[in-house]
Amino acid sequence: MAKMTKAQIMSALAEKTGLPKKDVIGFMDTLVEMAYSEVKNNGEFVLPGFGKMVKVNRKARMGVNPATGEKINIPAKTVAKFRLAKMAKEAVL
């Protein structure tokens, strides 16, 4: 089975909710913007029953260049991660 495209997801949501596709697209765009803003400003965004997007600080560490075997220094950085809710894990797995 092929992955759903964004257009297919929006059409399916519009069909299941009975809302116009334009409204569904607007809602999803607003939700995404809000999630990004909350993670940037507060460090996390929770979507109950689905999961949580969090900002995580990674420490600096030593790595190895696989081509040459040379040891390299990987600097510290901040990354965004998504943690799936327990309910979602149980429903899927």
Protein backbone atom coordinates (compact mmCIF):
# COMPACT_ATOMS: atom_id res chain seq x y z
CA MET A 1 0.00 0.00 0.00
CA ALA A 2 1.36 3.43 -0.99
CA LYS A 3 1.76 6.31 1.45
CA MET A 4 -0.96 8.95 1.42
CA THR A 5 0.01 12.29 -0.09
CA LYS A 6 -0.84 15.57 1.60
CA ALA A 7 -3.67 16.13 -0.91
CA GLN A 8 -5.11 12.66 -0.21
CA ILE A 9 -4.95 13.25 3.56
CA MET A 10 -6.74 16.60 3.23
CA SER A 11 -9.41 15.09 0.96
CA ALA A 12 -9.98 12.18 3.36
CA LEU A 13 -10.26 14.54 6.36
CA ALA A 14 -12.71 16.76 4.48
CA GLU A 15 -14.81 13.73 3.54
CA LYS A 16 -14.84 12.23 7.05
CA THR A 17 -15.59 15.52 8.84
CA GLY A 18 -18.01 16.96 6.29
CA LEU A 19 -16.02 20.21 6.26
CA PRO A 20 -14.97 21.94 3.04
CA LYS A 21 -11.47 20.93 1.91
CA LYS A 22 -10.39 24.59 2.07
CA ASP A 23 -11.29 24.73 5.79
CA VAL A 24 -9.45 21.47 6.53
CA ILE A 25 -6.31 22.75 4.78
CA GLY A 26 -6.52 26.04 6.70
CA PHE A 27 -6.97 24.21 10.01
CA MET A 28 -4.02 21.88 9.39
CA ASP A 29 -1.75 24.75 8.31
CA THR A 30 -2.67 26.65 11.49
CA LEU A 31 -2.07 23.57 13.65
CA VAL A 32 1.38 23.04 12.11
CA GLU A 33 2.33 26.72 12.57
CA MET A 34 1.17 26.60 16.19
CA ALA A 35 3.16 23.39 16.84
CA TYR A 36 6.37 24.89 15.42
CA SER A 37 5.90 28.11 17.38
CA GLU A 38 5.20 26.30 20.67
CA VAL A 39 8.23 24.02 20.31
CA LYS A 40 10.46 26.98 19.46
CA ASN A 41 9.23 29.12 22.36
CA ASN A 42 8.26 26.61 25.07
CA GLY A 43 10.21 23.48 24.15
CA GLU A 44 7.22 21.19 23.51
CA PHE A 45 3.85 20.85 21.80
CA VAL A 46 1.39 18.14 22.88
CA LEU A 47 -1.35 16.75 20.66
CA PRO A 48 -3.39 14.58 23.07
CA GLY A 49 -3.82 11.00 21.91
CA PHE A 50 -1.23 11.42 19.16
CA GLY A 51 2.07 12.53 20.64
CA LYS A 52 4.41 15.28 21.65
CA MET A 53 6.98 17.30 19.67
CA VAL A 54 9.89 18.33 21.90
CA LYS A 55 13.07 20.35 21.57
CA VAL A 56 16.10 18.36 22.81
CA ASN A 57 19.68 19.49 23.39
CA ARG A 58 22.28 17.01 22.13
CA LYS A 59 25.69 16.99 23.77
CA ALA A 60 28.93 17.30 21.81
CA ARG A 61 30.44 13.90 21.10
CA MET A 62 33.16 12.08 19.21
CA GLY A 63 32.25 10.35 15.96
CA VAL A 64 34.03 8.40 13.24
CA ASN A 65 34.13 9.23 9.54
CA PRO A 66 33.04 5.90 7.99
CA ALA A 67 35.02 6.51 4.79
CA THR A 68 38.40 7.18 6.41
CA GLY A 69 38.01 5.89 9.97
CA GLU A 70 39.16 9.34 11.18
CA LYS A 71 37.77 10.48 14.53
CA ILE A 72 35.79 13.70 14.29
CA ASN A 73 34.30 16.05 16.85
CA ILE A 74 30.50 16.43 16.50
CA PRO A 75 29.38 19.73 18.08
CA ALA A 76 26.43 20.12 20.46
CA LYS A 77 23.14 21.10 18.82
CA THR A 78 19.41 21.40 19.41
CA VAL A 79 17.05 19.05 17.56
CA ALA A 80 13.30 18.49 17.40
CA LYS A 81 11.95 15.01 18.19
CA PHE A 82 8.48 13.51 18.11
CA ARG A 83 7.41 11.15 20.88
CA LEU A 84 4.39 9.02 20.08
CA ALA A 85 1.68 8.88 22.75
CA LYS A 86 1.11 5.57 24.55
CA MET A 87 -2.44 5.42 23.18
CA ALA A 88 -1.15 5.80 19.60
CA LYS A 89 1.51 3.12 20.11
CA GLU A 90 -1.07 0.67 21.43
CA ALA A 91 -3.46 1.40 18.55
CA VAL A 92 -0.77 0.92 15.90
CA LEU A 93 1.36 -1.89 17.33
